[in-house]
Each structure stands twice: as C-alpha cells, then as structure tokens.
Amino acid sequence: MNDLLFIPAGTLVMCPGFVQGTVQKTDGQYVQVVAEDARREFWFPLPLLLQWNAHRLNVNVNPEPAL
C-alpha cells in the first residue's frame, strides 16, 4: 500500500451493510469514521475502506504492475 495514500477528513464514506459516515482522521493505517447520526465511531483499515469506496474516491486499489 502506498504510504502517501489517505482519505481527507470530511470525506463521506460508505461501508456496505454497516455504516455510512464521515472520515474524521487517519493514523496512516486506520481511518476513523463517524456515523451520520454522530452516535457511533469506527476505525477501519485504510486498504479495506479504499476498496469499499474506490469507485467514489476515484482510486485504483489493484494497480497493474509496471512492466
């Protein structure tokens, strides 16, 4: 995983069948997401959150190797 990859605070993210919320902060490996009702918070691994939201964030989570 590229160490320079991050999801900015305030970004709306969706975790299928679980929660929709806003990114609050990241520590580089995990991302804190606060639910829309602000009653719950979750920490997700960055690669998993990117995979779930790649289509929304315009991120290629499985890049082709360079030739």
PDB file of N, CA and C in Angstrom:
ATOM      1  N   MET A   1       0.854  -1.175   0.000  1.00  0.00           N
ATOM      2  CA  MET A   1       0.000   0.000   0.000  1.00  0.00           C
ATOM      3  C   MET A   1       0.894   1.229   0.000  1.00  0.00           C
ATOM      4  N   ASN A   2       0.530   2.198  -0.768  1.00  0.00           N
ATOM      5  CA  ASN A   2       1.281   3.446  -0.861  1.00  0.00           C
ATOM      6  C   ASN A   2       1.111   4.238   0.430  1.00  0.00           C
ATOM      7  N   ASP A   3       2.241   4.571   1.085  1.00  0.00           N
ATOM      8  CA  ASP A   3       2.174   5.303   2.348  1.00  0.00           C
ATOM      9  C   ASP A   3       1.629   6.713   2.179  1.00  0.00           C
ATOM     10  N   LEU A   4       1.597   7.228   0.956  1.00  0.00           N
ATOM     11  CA  LEU A   4       1.116   8.583   0.719  1.00  0.00           C
ATOM     12  C   LEU A   4      -0.393   8.626   0.505  1.00  0.00           C
ATOM     13  N   LEU A   5      -1.040   7.461   0.457  1.00  0.00           N
ATOM     14  CA  LEU A   5      -2.476   7.392   0.235  1.00  0.00           C
ATOM     15  C   LEU A   5      -3.222   7.722   1.525  1.00  0.00           C
ATOM     16  N   PHE A   6      -4.234   8.549   1.420  1.00  0.00           N
ATOM     17  CA  PHE A   6      -5.059   8.868   2.579  1.00  0.00           C
ATOM     18  C   PHE A   6      -6.425   9.309   2.104  1.00  0.00           C
ATOM     19  N   ILE A   7      -7.363   9.346   3.017  1.00  0.00           N
ATOM     20  CA  ILE A   7      -8.696   9.863   2.734  1.00  0.00           C
ATOM     21  C   ILE A   7      -8.854  11.111   3.589  1.00  0.00           C
ATOM     22  N   PRO A   8      -9.069  12.269   2.982  1.00  0.00           N
ATOM     23  CA  PRO A   8      -9.152  13.519   3.750  1.00  0.00           C
ATOM     24  C   PRO A   8     -10.333  13.545   4.728  1.00  0.00           C
ATOM     25  N   ALA A   9     -10.136  14.229   5.845  1.00  0.00           N
ATOM     26  CA  ALA A   9     -11.218  14.425   6.812  1.00  0.00           C
ATOM     27  C   ALA A   9     -12.387  15.114   6.120  1.00  0.00           C
ATOM     28  N   GLY A  10     -13.592  14.719   6.496  1.00  0.00           N
ATOM     29  CA  GLY A  10     -14.791  15.297   5.905  1.00  0.00           C
ATOM     30  C   GLY A  10     -15.324  14.515   4.723  1.00  0.00           C
ATOM     31  N   THR A  11     -14.554  13.527   4.246  1.00  0.00           N
ATOM     32  CA  THR A  11     -14.984  12.720   3.113  1.00  0.00           C
ATOM     33  C   THR A  11     -16.099  11.774   3.542  1.00  0.00           C
ATOM     34  N   LEU A  12     -17.178  11.739   2.768  1.00  0.00           N
ATOM     35  CA  LEU A  12     -18.269  10.803   3.022  1.00  0.00           C
ATOM     36  C   LEU A  12     -17.840   9.429   2.529  1.00  0.00           C
ATOM     37  N   VAL A  13     -17.960   8.426   3.382  1.00  0.00           N
ATOM     38  CA  VAL A  13     -17.616   7.061   3.004  1.00  0.00           C
ATOM     39  C   VAL A  13     -18.782   6.140   3.331  1.00  0.00           C
ATOM     40  N   MET A  14     -18.830   5.021   2.616  1.00  0.00           N
ATOM     41  CA  MET A  14     -19.888   4.045   2.821  1.00  0.00           C
ATOM     42  C   MET A  14     -19.260   2.689   3.090  1.00  0.00           C
ATOM     43  N   CYS A  15     -19.767   2.024   4.098  1.00  0.00           N
ATOM     44  CA  CYS A  15     -19.315   0.701   4.468  1.00  0.00           C
ATOM     45  C   CYS A  15     -20.521  -0.206   4.282  1.00  0.00           C
ATOM     46  N   PRO A  16     -20.569  -0.943   3.166  1.00  0.00           N
ATOM     47  CA  PRO A  16     -21.768  -1.675   2.756  1.00  0.00           C
ATOM     48  C   PRO A  16     -22.415  -2.496   3.868  1.00  0.00           C
ATOM     49  N   GLY A  17     -23.709  -2.257   4.057  1.00  0.00           N
ATOM     50  CA  GLY A  17     -24.481  -3.001   5.031  1.00  0.00           C
ATOM     51  C   GLY A  17     -24.092  -2.732   6.476  1.00  0.00           C
ATOM     52  N   PHE A  18     -23.291  -1.685   6.693  1.00  0.00           N
ATOM     53  CA  PHE A  18     -22.793  -1.455   8.043  1.00  0.00           C
ATOM     54  C   PHE A  18     -23.006  -0.017   8.495  1.00  0.00           C
ATOM     55  N   VAL A  19     -22.369   0.929   7.835  1.00  0.00           N
ATOM     56  CA  VAL A  19     -22.463   2.323   8.263  1.00  0.00           C
ATOM     57  C   VAL A  19     -22.135   3.249   7.099  1.00  0.00           C
ATOM     58  N   GLN A  20     -22.744   4.399   7.116  1.00  0.00           N
ATOM     59  CA  GLN A  20     -22.377   5.486   6.217  1.00  0.00           C
ATOM     60  C   GLN A  20     -21.977   6.631   7.124  1.00  0.00           C
ATOM     61  N   GLY A  21     -20.846   7.226   6.840  1.00  0.00           N
ATOM     62  CA  GLY A  21     -20.392   8.285   7.728  1.00  0.00           C
ATOM     63  C   GLY A  21     -19.330   9.158   7.103  1.00  0.00           C
ATOM     64  N   THR A  22     -18.663   9.906   7.953  1.00  0.00           N
ATOM     65  CA  THR A  22     -17.677  10.880   7.520  1.00  0.00           C
ATOM     66  C   THR A  22     -16.332  10.557   8.150  1.00  0.00           C
ATOM     67  N   VAL A  23     -15.284  10.672   7.350  1.00  0.00           N
ATOM     68  CA  VAL A  23     -13.929  10.477   7.858  1.00  0.00           C
ATOM     69  C   VAL A  23     -13.597  11.611   8.822  1.00  0.00           C
ATOM     70  N   GLN A  24     -13.097  11.260   9.996  1.00  0.00           N
ATOM     71  CA  GLN A  24     -12.681  12.258  10.980  1.00  0.00           C
ATOM     72  C   GLN A  24     -11.169  12.431  10.974  1.00  0.00           C
ATOM     73  N   LYS A  25     -10.443  11.309  10.993  1.00  0.00           N
ATOM     74  CA  LYS A  25      -8.983  11.378  10.970  1.00  0.00           C
ATOM     75  C   LYS A  25      -8.422  10.020  10.581  1.00  0.00           C
ATOM     76  N   THR A  26      -7.133   9.996  10.302  1.00  0.00           N
ATOM     77  CA  THR A  26      -6.440   8.759   9.970  1.00  0.00           C
ATOM     78  C   THR A  26      -5.079   8.762  10.636  1.00  0.00           C
ATOM     79  N   ASP A  27      -4.591   7.571  10.943  1.00  0.00           N
ATOM     80  CA  ASP A  27      -3.244   7.467  11.508  1.00  0.00           C
ATOM     81  C   ASP A  27      -2.281   6.857  10.496  1.00  0.00           C
ATOM     82  N   GLY A  28      -2.720   6.746   9.249  1.00  0.00           N
ATOM     83  CA  GLY A  28      -1.881   6.173   8.204  1.00  0.00           C
ATOM     84  C   GLY A  28      -2.221   4.730   7.894  1.00  0.00           C
ATOM     85  N   GLN A  29      -2.682   3.982   8.887  1.00  0.00           N
ATOM     86  CA  GLN A  29      -3.073   2.594   8.668  1.00  0.00           C
ATOM     87  C   GLN A  29      -4.569   2.385   8.874  1.00  0.00           C
ATOM     88  N   TYR A  30      -5.158   3.179   9.745  1.00  0.00           N
ATOM     89  CA  TYR A  30      -6.584   3.071  10.043  1.00  0.00           C
ATOM     90  C   TYR A  30      -7.251   4.427   9.855  1.00  0.00           C
ATOM     91  N   VAL A  31      -8.553   4.382   9.551  1.00  0.00           N
ATOM     92  CA  VAL A  31      -9.322   5.604   9.327  1.00  0.00           C
ATOM     93  C   VAL A  31     -10.491   5.616  10.305  1.00  0.00           C
ATOM     94  N   GLN A  32     -10.670   6.738  11.007  1.00  0.00           N
ATOM     95  CA  GLN A  32     -11.799   6.893  11.922  1.00  0.00           C
ATOM     96  C   GLN A  32     -12.988   7.413  11.131  1.00  0.00           C
ATOM     97  N   VAL A  33     -14.098   6.675  11.198  1.00  0.00           N
ATOM     98  CA  VAL A  33     -15.338   7.064  10.531  1.00  0.00           C
ATOM     99  C   VAL A  33     -16.399   7.269  11.602  1.00  0.00           C
ATOM    100  N   VAL A  34     -17.073   8.417  11.556  1.00  0.00           N
ATOM    101  CA  VAL A  34     -18.166   8.706  12.483  1.00  0.00           C
ATOM    102  C   VAL A  34     -19.470   8.581  11.706  1.00  0.00           C
ATOM    103  N   ALA A  35     -20.398   7.803  12.252  1.00  0.00           N
ATOM    104  CA  ALA A  35     -21.687   7.579  11.600  1.00  0.00           C
ATOM    105  C   ALA A  35     -22.432   8.891  11.425  1.00  0.00           C
ATOM    106  N   GLU A  36     -23.343   8.905  10.446  1.00  0.00           N
ATOM    107  CA  GLU A  36     -24.099  10.123  10.149  1.00  0.00           C
ATOM    108  C   GLU A  36     -24.855  10.666  11.356  1.00  0.00           C
ATOM    109  N   ASP A  37     -25.310   9.778  12.240  1.00  0.00           N
ATOM    110  CA  ASP A  37     -26.036  10.252  13.423  1.00  0.00           C
ATOM    111  C   ASP A  37     -25.084  10.691  14.540  1.00  0.00           C
ATOM    112  N   ALA A  38     -23.785  10.599  14.308  1.00  0.00           N
ATOM    113  CA  ALA A  38     -22.723  11.022  15.237  1.00  0.00           C
ATOM    114  C   ALA A  38     -22.768  10.282  16.574  1.00  0.00           C
ATOM    115  N   ARG A  39     -23.447   9.154  16.616  1.00  0.00           N
ATOM    116  CA  ARG A  39     -23.533   8.388  17.865  1.00  0.00           C
ATOM    117  C   ARG A  39     -22.520   7.251  17.926  1.00  0.00           C
ATOM    118  N   ARG A  40     -21.970   6.902  16.775  1.00  0.00           N
ATOM    119  CA  ARG A  40     -21.028   5.782  16.738  1.00  0.00           C
ATOM    120  C   ARG A  40     -19.791   6.180  15.953  1.00  0.00           C
ATOM    121  N   GLU A  41     -18.656   5.614  16.351  1.00  0.00           N
ATOM    122  CA  GLU A  41     -17.434   5.810  15.578  1.00  0.00           C
ATOM    123  C   GLU A  41     -16.770   4.454  15.375  1.00  0.00           C
ATOM    124  N   PHE A  42     -16.075   4.344  14.271  1.00  0.00           N
ATOM    125  CA  PHE A  42     -15.434   3.094  13.896  1.00  0.00           C
ATOM    126  C   PHE A  42     -14.041   3.393  13.366  1.00  0.00           C
ATOM    127  N   TRP A  43     -13.143   2.445  13.533  1.00  0.00           N
ATOM    128  CA  TRP A  43     -11.813   2.526  12.925  1.00  0.00           C
ATOM    129  C   TRP A  43     -11.713   1.377  11.929  1.00  0.00           C
ATOM    130  N   PHE A  44     -11.477   1.716  10.662  1.00  0.00           N
ATOM    131  CA  PHE A  44     -11.354   0.711   9.613  1.00  0.00           C
ATOM    132  C   PHE A  44      -9.940   0.725   9.050  1.00  0.00           C
ATOM    133  N   PRO A  45      -9.420  -0.437   8.645  1.00  0.00           N
ATOM    134  CA  PRO A  45      -8.132  -0.451   7.959  1.00  0.00           C
ATOM    135  C   PRO A  45      -8.246   0.348   6.657  1.00  0.00           C
ATOM    136  N   LEU A  46      -7.266   1.184   6.392  1.00  0.00           N
ATOM    137  CA  LEU A  46      -7.288   2.036   5.203  1.00  0.00           C
ATOM    138  C   LEU A  46      -7.487   1.235   3.915  1.00  0.00           C
ATOM    139  N   PRO A  47      -6.765   0.112   3.695  1.00  0.00           N
ATOM    140  CA  PRO A  47      -6.969  -0.631   2.444  1.00  0.00           C
ATOM    141  C   PRO A  47      -8.412  -1.110   2.259  1.00  0.00           C
ATOM    142  N   LEU A  48      -9.059  -1.538   3.340  1.00  0.00           N
ATOM    143  CA  LEU A  48     -10.443  -2.007   3.254  1.00  0.00           C
ATOM    144  C   LEU A  48     -11.388  -0.863   2.910  1.00  0.00           C
ATOM    145  N   LEU A  49     -11.222   0.272   3.561  1.00  0.00           N
ATOM    146  CA  LEU A  49     -12.075   1.428   3.289  1.00  0.00           C
ATOM    147  C   LEU A  49     -11.880   1.914   1.856  1.00  0.00           C
ATOM    148  N   LEU A  50     -10.646   1.893   1.373  1.00  0.00           N
ATOM    149  CA  LEU A  50     -10.388   2.281  -0.018  1.00  0.00           C
ATOM    150  C   LEU A  50     -11.050   1.307  -0.983  1.00  0.00           C
ATOM    151  N   GLN A  51     -10.995   0.020  -0.660  1.00  0.00           N
ATOM    152  CA  GLN A  51     -11.625  -0.977  -1.521  1.00  0.00           C
ATOM    153  C   GLN A  51     -13.136  -0.757  -1.593  1.00  0.00           C
ATOM    154  N   TRP A  52     -13.763  -0.512  -0.453  1.00  0.00           N
ATOM    155  CA  TRP A  52     -15.211  -0.292  -0.417  1.00  0.00           C
ATOM    156  C   TRP A  52     -15.620   0.968  -1.168  1.00  0.00           C
ATOM    157  N   ASN A  53     -14.762   1.978  -1.193  1.00  0.00           N
ATOM    158  CA  ASN A  53     -15.125   3.287  -1.722  1.00  0.00           C
ATOM    159  C   ASN A  53     -14.322   3.695  -2.946  1.00  0.00           C
ATOM    160  N   ALA A  54     -13.613   2.773  -3.567  1.00  0.00           N
ATOM    161  CA  ALA A  54     -12.739   3.092  -4.698  1.00  0.00           C
ATOM    162  C   ALA A  54     -13.497   3.789  -5.821  1.00  0.00           C
ATOM    163  N   HIS A  55     -14.699   3.328  -6.119  1.00  0.00           N
ATOM    164  CA  HIS A  55     -15.468   3.931  -7.208  1.00  0.00           C
ATOM    165  C   HIS A  55     -15.866   5.372  -6.881  1.00  0.00           C
ATOM    166  N   ARG A  56     -16.056   5.682  -5.612  1.00  0.00           N
ATOM    167  CA  ARG A  56     -16.443   7.041  -5.205  1.00  0.00           C
ATOM    168  C   ARG A  56     -15.237   7.962  -5.087  1.00  0.00           C
ATOM    169  N   LEU A  57     -14.085   7.393  -4.699  1.00  0.00           N
ATOM    170  CA  LEU A  57     -12.892   8.196  -4.447  1.00  0.00           C
ATOM    171  C   LEU A  57     -11.951   8.236  -5.647  1.00  0.00           C
ATOM    172  N   ASN A  58     -12.324   7.559  -6.736  1.00  0.00           N
ATOM    173  CA  ASN A  58     -11.504   7.503  -7.945  1.00  0.00           C
ATOM    174  C   ASN A  58     -10.112   6.953  -7.632  1.00  0.00           C
ATOM    175  N   VAL A  59     -10.088   5.800  -6.942  1.00  0.00           N
ATOM    176  CA  VAL A  59      -8.839   5.161  -6.541  1.00  0.00           C
ATOM    177  C   VAL A  59      -8.779   3.779  -7.166  1.00  0.00           C
ATOM    178  N   ASN A  60      -7.619   3.420  -7.720  1.00  0.00           N
ATOM    179  CA  ASN A  60      -7.394   2.075  -8.229  1.00  0.00           C
ATOM    180  C   ASN A  60      -6.697   1.290  -7.128  1.00  0.00           C
ATOM    181  N   VAL A  61      -7.421   0.402  -6.445  1.00  0.00           N
ATOM    182  CA  VAL A  61      -6.855  -0.317  -5.312  1.00  0.00           C
ATOM    183  C   VAL A  61      -6.067  -1.548  -5.735  1.00  0.00           C
ATOM    184  N   ASN A  62      -6.157  -1.939  -6.988  1.00  0.00           N
ATOM    185  CA  ASN A  62      -5.401  -3.073  -7.513  1.00  0.00           C
ATOM    186  C   ASN A  62      -4.671  -2.657  -8.782  1.00  0.00           C
ATOM    187  N   PRO A  63      -3.683  -1.763  -8.661  1.00  0.00           N
ATOM    188  CA  PRO A  63      -2.991  -1.283  -9.856  1.00  0.00           C
ATOM    189  C   PRO A  63      -2.225  -2.396 -10.551  1.00  0.00           C
ATOM    190  N   GLU A  64      -2.135  -2.291 -11.862  1.00  0.00           N
ATOM    191  CA  GLU A  64      -1.362  -3.240 -12.652  1.00  0.00           C
ATOM    192  C   GLU A  64       0.117  -2.998 -12.392  1.00  0.00           C
ATOM    193  N   PRO A  65       0.909  -4.070 -12.284  1.00  0.00           N
ATOM    194  CA  PRO A  65       2.347  -3.882 -12.074  1.00  0.00           C
ATOM    195  C   PRO A  65       2.997  -3.221 -13.286  1.00  0.00           C
ATOM    196  N   ALA A  66       4.000  -2.398 -13.018  1.00  0.00           N
ATOM    197  CA  ALA A  66       4.728  -1.723 -14.098  1.00  0.00           C
ATOM    198  C   ALA A  66       5.558  -2.741 -14.860  1.00  0.00           C
ATOM    199  N   LEU A  67       5.601  -2.593 -16.168  1.00  0.00           N
ATOM    200  CA  LEU A  67       6.391  -3.516 -16.999  1.00  0.00           C
ATOM    201  C   LEU A  67       7.776  -2.992 -17.221  1.00  0.00           C
TER     202      LEU A  67
END
